Amino acid sequence: MILTVTLNTALDVIYRVPRLLAHASHRVSDVTERAGGKGLNVARVLAATGHEVTATGFAGGRTGALVRELLAGSPGVRDELVPCAGTTRRTLAVVDEASGDTTQFNEPGPPITTAEWSRFLSRYEALLAGDARAVALCGSLPPGVPVGAYAVLVRAARAAGVPVLLDTSGEALRRGVAARPDMIKPNAAELAELTGSRDPLPATRDARRRGAHAVITSLGPGGLLATTAGGTWQAAPPRTLAGNPTGAGDSAVAGLLSALTEGLDWPDRLTRAVALSAATVAAPTAGEFDPRTYEEVRGSVKVTAVPAVTAG
């Protein structure tokens, strides 16, 4: 089983409009609601690729109840969300059909009490002690959760002997990296904020020195750059795909974790992650991917070893 953690789950509401204009009224052509948050996107992609997956985190109030109802409609995803008294946040994404651009509004999330955080930690540790083969820690922290929460969760996974991938940003990432996760997957902006360098190659190496065993950076249409104890690789799709990039990074996380549990080497892990990420751009919503695009891209991903300073 692969475990995904989404401390700040969300009800994702997606509006599609013919064209998004400032200071104007819009007629919405389509509305979609789904269980959201980065870890839930990862869970759905993992399940769709045939992996057993368990999702945990927080859910509360009427919005949280709807998130759990929608999650129940995702085949292969086991719900281990922990109830909280506050109401799960919503995110609103407005898709401009003319340009393909997406404008997103993210609520902050419900306040989590000390008692609720303790209940979550007990659930998390029990899941690690079960049959967890890998864990993904994903997304932002809701109010009330300690800023060092991911460091606590990384240490718990390492103590249980479960490989852990961290995908967050800001101070939560900075503190989490110091706990020595097996992998982190920032985008270029998040990596620059962590290291102070806007050049991804030295920045990935700096992030490894800060504690991460492997750093896999999203380069947008340029694919992924991975710096590990065994070397550095760049993996790129054969072409730039048109579509909605929301959730593409989450699909990359799913690819990395699934390939890890299958014992694949780094070039094959990156190939799968890039192909799933590209196939998500071609899909209508995050947490989904287009199978035809996945197969097409997977056979054409270019993985190049970077012959530079030894990583580590």
Protein backbone atom coordinates (compact mmCIF):
# COMPACT_ATOMS: atom_id res chain seq x y z
CA MET A 1 0.00 0.00 0.00
CA ILE A 2 1.15 3.55 -0.79
CA LEU A 3 0.05 6.16 1.76
CA THR A 4 -0.72 9.77 0.79
CA VAL A 5 -1.09 12.57 3.34
CA THR A 6 -3.13 15.70 2.58
CA LEU A 7 -3.35 17.79 5.73
CA ASN A 8 -5.21 20.58 3.91
CA THR A 9 -7.76 18.72 1.79
CA ALA A 10 -10.16 20.74 -0.33
CA LEU A 11 -13.32 20.67 -2.34
CA ASP A 12 -12.09 21.70 -5.77
CA VAL A 13 -14.69 23.64 -7.76
CA ILE A 14 -13.81 24.18 -11.42
CA TYR A 15 -15.64 26.74 -13.56
CA ARG A 16 -15.17 26.88 -17.31
CA VAL A 17 -15.94 30.14 -19.08
CA PRO A 18 -15.59 31.04 -22.79
CA ARG A 19 -13.25 33.93 -21.91
CA LEU A 20 -12.18 35.36 -18.53
CA LEU A 21 -12.30 39.15 -18.39
CA ALA A 22 -11.62 41.43 -15.42
CA HIS A 23 -14.56 43.53 -14.10
CA ALA A 24 -17.08 41.50 -16.13
CA SER A 25 -19.91 39.07 -15.50
CA HIS A 26 -19.44 35.58 -16.92
CA ARG A 27 -21.71 32.79 -18.00
CA VAL A 28 -20.23 29.51 -16.77
CA SER A 29 -20.30 26.78 -19.41
CA ASP A 30 -19.44 23.89 -17.09
CA VAL A 31 -18.97 23.23 -13.34
CA THR A 32 -17.04 20.33 -11.84
CA GLU A 33 -16.59 19.40 -8.18
CA ARG A 34 -14.04 16.87 -6.92
CA ALA A 35 -12.13 15.85 -3.80
CA GLY A 36 -8.97 17.92 -3.93
CA GLY A 37 -5.65 18.70 -2.34
CA LYS A 38 -2.29 17.53 -3.70
CA GLY A 39 -2.21 14.21 -1.87
CA LEU A 40 -5.70 13.24 -3.02
CA ASN A 41 -4.67 13.97 -6.61
CA VAL A 42 -1.65 11.70 -6.10
CA ALA A 43 -3.89 8.99 -4.63
CA ARG A 44 -6.28 8.99 -7.59
CA VAL A 45 -3.46 8.70 -10.12
CA LEU A 46 -1.84 5.88 -8.15
CA ALA A 47 -5.13 4.01 -7.98
CA ALA A 48 -5.72 4.54 -11.71
CA THR A 49 -2.33 2.93 -12.43
CA GLY A 50 -3.27 -0.14 -10.41
CA HIS A 51 -1.65 0.59 -7.06
CA GLU A 52 -3.27 0.07 -3.70
CA VAL A 53 -3.45 3.47 -2.00
CA THR A 54 -4.68 4.90 1.29
CA ALA A 55 -5.41 8.60 1.74
CA THR A 56 -5.24 10.35 5.10
CA GLY A 57 -5.33 13.94 6.34
CA PHE A 58 -8.18 16.05 7.70
CA ALA A 59 -11.80 16.52 6.61
CA GLY A 60 -14.53 18.44 8.41
CA GLY A 61 -17.91 20.13 8.11
CA ARG A 62 -20.30 19.97 5.17
CA THR A 63 -17.51 20.53 2.68
CA GLY A 64 -15.44 17.75 4.23
CA ALA A 65 -18.43 15.40 4.06
CA LEU A 66 -18.75 16.13 0.35
CA VAL A 67 -15.01 15.56 -0.15
CA ARG A 68 -15.35 12.13 1.46
CA GLU A 69 -18.43 11.35 -0.61
CA LEU A 70 -16.58 12.24 -3.80
CA LEU A 71 -13.49 10.32 -2.69
CA ALA A 72 -15.67 7.24 -2.21
CA GLY A 73 -16.32 7.40 -5.94
CA SER A 74 -12.60 7.01 -6.70
CA PRO A 75 -12.02 3.27 -7.21
CA GLY A 76 -9.04 1.88 -5.33
CA VAL A 77 -8.60 4.77 -2.86
CA ARG A 78 -9.11 3.85 0.80
CA ASP A 79 -10.39 6.75 2.94
CA GLU A 80 -8.53 7.18 6.26
CA LEU A 81 -9.20 10.92 6.64
CA VAL A 82 -9.39 12.16 10.22
CA PRO A 83 -12.48 14.25 11.18
CA CYS A 84 -11.95 17.82 12.38
CA ALA A 85 -14.40 20.35 13.82
CA GLY A 86 -13.61 23.06 11.26
CA THR A 87 -14.92 23.09 7.71
CA THR A 88 -12.70 21.82 4.91
CA ARG A 89 -11.67 24.58 2.53
CA ARG A 90 -12.74 25.10 -1.05
CA THR A 91 -10.61 26.03 -4.02
CA LEU A 92 -12.09 27.74 -7.05
CA ALA A 93 -10.41 27.36 -10.44
CA VAL A 94 -11.68 29.37 -13.40
CA VAL A 95 -10.62 27.96 -16.76
CA ASP A 96 -10.51 30.42 -19.66
CA GLU A 97 -11.45 28.21 -22.62
CA ALA A 98 -10.16 30.72 -25.16
CA SER A 99 -6.59 30.79 -23.80
CA GLY A 100 -6.51 27.58 -21.79
CA ASP A 101 -5.23 29.54 -18.77
CA THR A 102 -6.51 28.80 -15.25
CA THR A 103 -7.04 31.35 -12.47
CA GLN A 104 -7.20 29.81 -9.00
CA PHE A 105 -8.48 30.97 -5.61
CA ASN A 106 -7.42 28.93 -2.56
CA GLU A 107 -9.04 29.23 0.87
CA PRO A 108 -6.72 28.80 3.88
CA GLY A 109 -8.28 25.68 5.43
CA PRO A 110 -9.89 24.89 8.79
CA PRO A 111 -8.16 25.55 12.12
CA ILE A 112 -6.80 22.29 13.54
CA THR A 113 -6.73 21.87 17.32
CA THR A 114 -3.95 20.25 19.32
CA ALA A 115 -6.23 17.29 20.08
CA GLU A 116 -7.07 16.83 16.37
CA TRP A 117 -3.38 16.94 15.44
CA SER A 118 -2.65 14.28 18.08
CA ARG A 119 -5.43 12.07 16.70
CA PHE A 120 -4.01 12.43 13.22
CA LEU A 121 -0.50 11.50 14.38
CA SER A 122 -1.88 8.32 15.99
CA ARG A 123 -3.69 7.39 12.76
CA TYR A 124 -0.60 8.16 10.65
CA GLU A 125 1.73 6.07 12.80
CA ALA A 126 -0.74 3.16 12.74
CA LEU A 127 -0.89 3.29 8.94
CA LEU A 128 2.91 3.37 8.70
CA ALA A 129 3.09 0.34 10.95
CA GLY A 130 0.65 -1.53 8.73
CA ASP A 131 1.53 -2.39 5.14
CA ALA A 132 2.73 1.01 3.92
CA ARG A 133 5.48 0.68 1.31
CA ALA A 134 5.94 4.41 0.67
CA VAL A 135 4.38 7.68 1.80
CA ALA A 136 3.79 11.04 0.09
CA LEU A 137 3.45 14.16 2.26
CA CYS A 138 1.76 16.77 0.10
CA GLY A 139 0.57 20.34 0.10
CA SER A 140 0.03 23.25 2.45
CA LEU A 141 -0.58 23.21 6.19
CA PRO A 142 -3.97 24.25 7.57
CA PRO A 143 -4.03 26.81 10.42
CA GLY A 144 -3.13 25.36 13.79
CA VAL A 145 -0.85 22.61 12.46
CA PRO A 146 2.75 23.23 13.62
CA VAL A 147 5.01 24.65 10.92
CA GLY A 148 7.40 21.79 11.62
CA ALA A 149 4.67 19.19 11.08
CA TYR A 150 6.24 17.66 7.99
CA ALA A 151 9.55 17.22 9.79
CA VAL A 152 7.67 15.22 12.45
CA LEU A 153 5.97 13.10 9.77
CA VAL A 154 9.22 12.52 7.86
CA ARG A 155 10.97 11.31 11.04
CA ALA A 156 8.06 8.99 11.85
CA ALA A 157 8.22 7.45 8.36
CA ARG A 158 11.97 6.98 8.54
CA ALA A 159 11.67 5.39 12.00
CA ALA A 160 9.12 2.95 10.52
CA GLY A 161 11.43 2.17 7.59
CA VAL A 162 8.98 3.60 5.03
CA PRO A 163 10.42 5.69 2.13
CA VAL A 164 8.97 9.21 2.24
CA LEU A 165 8.51 11.88 -0.44
CA LEU A 166 7.85 15.48 0.62
CA ASP A 167 6.05 17.90 -1.73
CA THR A 168 5.40 21.25 -0.06
CA SER A 169 6.85 24.77 -0.04
CA GLY A 170 8.09 27.63 2.10
CA GLU A 171 9.00 27.14 5.76
CA ALA A 172 7.24 23.76 5.86
CA LEU A 173 9.64 22.54 3.15
CA ARG A 174 12.68 24.12 4.81
CA ARG A 175 11.99 22.35 8.10
CA GLY A 176 10.91 19.12 6.42
CA VAL A 177 14.14 18.86 4.41
CA ALA A 178 16.18 18.99 7.61
CA ALA A 179 14.46 15.74 8.70
CA ARG A 180 16.11 13.99 5.72
CA PRO A 181 13.24 12.78 3.52
CA ASP A 182 14.07 10.22 0.85
CA MET A 183 12.79 12.56 -1.88
CA ILE A 184 11.51 16.10 -2.26
CA LYS A 185 9.74 17.37 -5.37
CA PRO A 186 9.69 21.17 -5.50
CA ASN A 187 9.04 23.21 -8.61
CA ALA A 188 11.71 25.67 -9.74
CA ALA A 189 10.24 28.58 -7.77
CA GLU A 190 9.92 26.54 -4.56
CA LEU A 191 13.48 25.28 -4.96
CA ALA A 192 14.76 28.84 -5.46
CA GLU A 193 12.94 29.96 -2.31
CA LEU A 194 14.53 27.10 -0.36
CA THR A 195 18.10 27.55 -1.59
CA GLY A 196 18.32 31.17 -2.79
CA SER A 197 19.55 29.98 -6.22
CA ARG A 198 17.52 30.36 -9.42
CA ASP A 199 19.78 27.96 -11.30
CA PRO A 200 18.09 24.56 -10.82
CA LEU A 201 21.23 22.42 -11.09
CA PRO A 202 23.25 23.92 -8.21
CA ALA A 203 19.99 24.45 -6.31
CA THR A 204 19.15 20.74 -6.38
CA ARG A 205 22.60 19.94 -5.05
CA ASP A 206 22.22 22.55 -2.32
CA ALA A 207 18.89 21.00 -1.32
CA ARG A 208 20.59 17.60 -0.99
CA ARG A 209 23.19 19.13 1.31
CA ARG A 210 20.34 20.48 3.43
CA GLY A 211 19.10 16.94 4.05
CA ALA A 212 17.07 15.52 1.16
CA HIS A 213 18.45 12.22 -0.18
CA ALA A 214 17.10 12.97 -3.66
CA VAL A 215 15.76 16.21 -5.17
CA ILE A 216 13.43 16.03 -8.15
CA THR A 217 12.58 19.46 -9.50
CA SER A 218 9.67 20.23 -11.83
CA LEU A 219 10.83 22.37 -14.75
CA GLY A 220 7.36 22.86 -16.22
CA PRO A 221 7.34 21.96 -19.92
CA GLY A 222 11.05 21.13 -19.57
CA GLY A 223 10.30 18.01 -17.53
CA LEU A 224 12.19 16.98 -14.39
CA LEU A 225 15.69 17.46 -13.04
CA ALA A 226 16.75 14.83 -10.47
CA THR A 227 19.84 14.95 -8.27
CA THR A 228 20.41 11.77 -6.25
CA ALA A 229 23.20 9.94 -4.47
CA GLY A 230 23.76 7.96 -7.68
CA GLY A 231 23.86 10.81 -10.17
CA THR A 232 21.96 13.63 -11.83
CA TRP A 233 19.49 13.28 -14.71
CA GLN A 234 17.20 15.49 -16.71
CA ALA A 235 14.07 13.92 -18.22
CA ALA A 236 12.04 15.83 -20.80
CA PRO A 237 8.90 15.07 -22.79
CA PRO A 238 9.27 14.92 -26.57
CA ARG A 239 7.14 18.04 -27.09
CA THR A 240 5.21 20.71 -25.22
CA LEU A 241 1.61 19.65 -24.66
CA ALA A 242 -1.32 22.05 -24.72
CA GLY A 243 -3.80 21.84 -21.86
CA ASN A 244 -4.24 22.51 -18.15
CA PRO A 245 -1.05 21.95 -16.10
CA THR A 246 -2.93 21.90 -12.78
CA GLY A 247 -2.09 18.65 -11.00
CA ALA A 248 0.78 17.73 -13.34
CA GLY A 249 3.26 17.85 -10.45
CA ASP A 250 1.01 15.61 -8.36
CA SER A 251 1.00 13.03 -11.14
CA ALA A 252 4.80 13.21 -11.21
CA VAL A 253 4.79 12.37 -7.50
CA ALA A 254 2.53 9.38 -8.21
CA GLY A 255 4.93 8.22 -10.91
CA LEU A 256 7.97 8.54 -8.67
CA LEU A 257 6.38 6.66 -5.78
CA SER A 258 4.90 3.87 -7.87
CA ALA A 259 8.22 3.34 -9.64
CA LEU A 260 10.05 3.33 -6.31
CA THR A 261 7.82 0.57 -4.92
CA GLU A 262 8.39 -1.45 -8.10
CA GLY A 263 12.16 -1.20 -7.72
CA LEU A 264 12.78 0.74 -10.95
CA ASP A 265 16.04 2.65 -11.45
CA TRP A 266 16.15 6.45 -11.59
CA PRO A 267 15.92 6.88 -15.39
CA ASP A 268 12.84 4.65 -15.47
CA ARG A 269 11.31 6.44 -12.48
CA LEU A 270 11.76 9.77 -14.21
CA THR A 271 10.36 8.44 -17.48
CA ARG A 272 7.18 7.34 -15.75
CA ALA A 273 6.87 10.59 -13.78
CA VAL A 274 7.31 12.77 -16.88
CA ALA A 275 4.84 10.69 -18.89
CA LEU A 276 2.16 10.82 -16.19
CA SER A 277 2.72 14.55 -15.72
CA ALA A 278 2.35 15.20 -19.46
CA ALA A 279 -0.73 12.98 -19.64
CA THR A 280 -2.33 15.01 -16.84
CA VAL A 281 -1.85 18.22 -18.84
CA ALA A 282 -3.91 16.52 -21.56
CA ALA A 283 -6.66 15.52 -19.10
CA PRO A 284 -9.59 17.75 -18.06
CA THR A 285 -8.82 17.89 -14.30
CA ALA A 286 -6.07 17.23 -11.77
CA GLY A 287 -5.92 13.71 -10.40
CA GLU A 288 -6.61 12.28 -13.86
CA PHE A 289 -4.46 11.49 -16.88
CA ASP A 290 -5.05 10.66 -20.51
CA PRO A 291 -3.94 7.03 -21.08
CA ARG A 292 -3.22 7.52 -24.79
CA THR A 293 -0.98 10.51 -24.11
CA TYR A 294 0.75 8.59 -21.32
CA GLU A 295 1.68 5.72 -23.63
CA GLU A 296 2.77 8.09 -26.39
CA VAL A 297 4.99 10.21 -24.14
CA ARG A 298 6.40 7.30 -22.14
CA GLY A 299 7.97 5.84 -25.25
CA SER A 300 9.59 9.15 -26.20
CA VAL A 301 10.85 10.68 -22.95
CA LYS A 302 14.49 11.73 -23.27
CA VAL A 303 16.54 11.04 -20.12
CA THR A 304 20.00 12.58 -20.10
CA ALA A 305 22.72 12.04 -17.49
CA VAL A 306 24.19 15.36 -16.36
CA PRO A 307 27.99 14.94 -16.23
CA ALA A 308 28.83 17.54 -13.65
CA VAL A 309 30.02 17.78 -10.07
CA THR A 310 29.33 14.53 -8.24
CA ALA A 311 25.97 14.72 -6.51
CA GLY A 312 26.54 14.41 -2.80
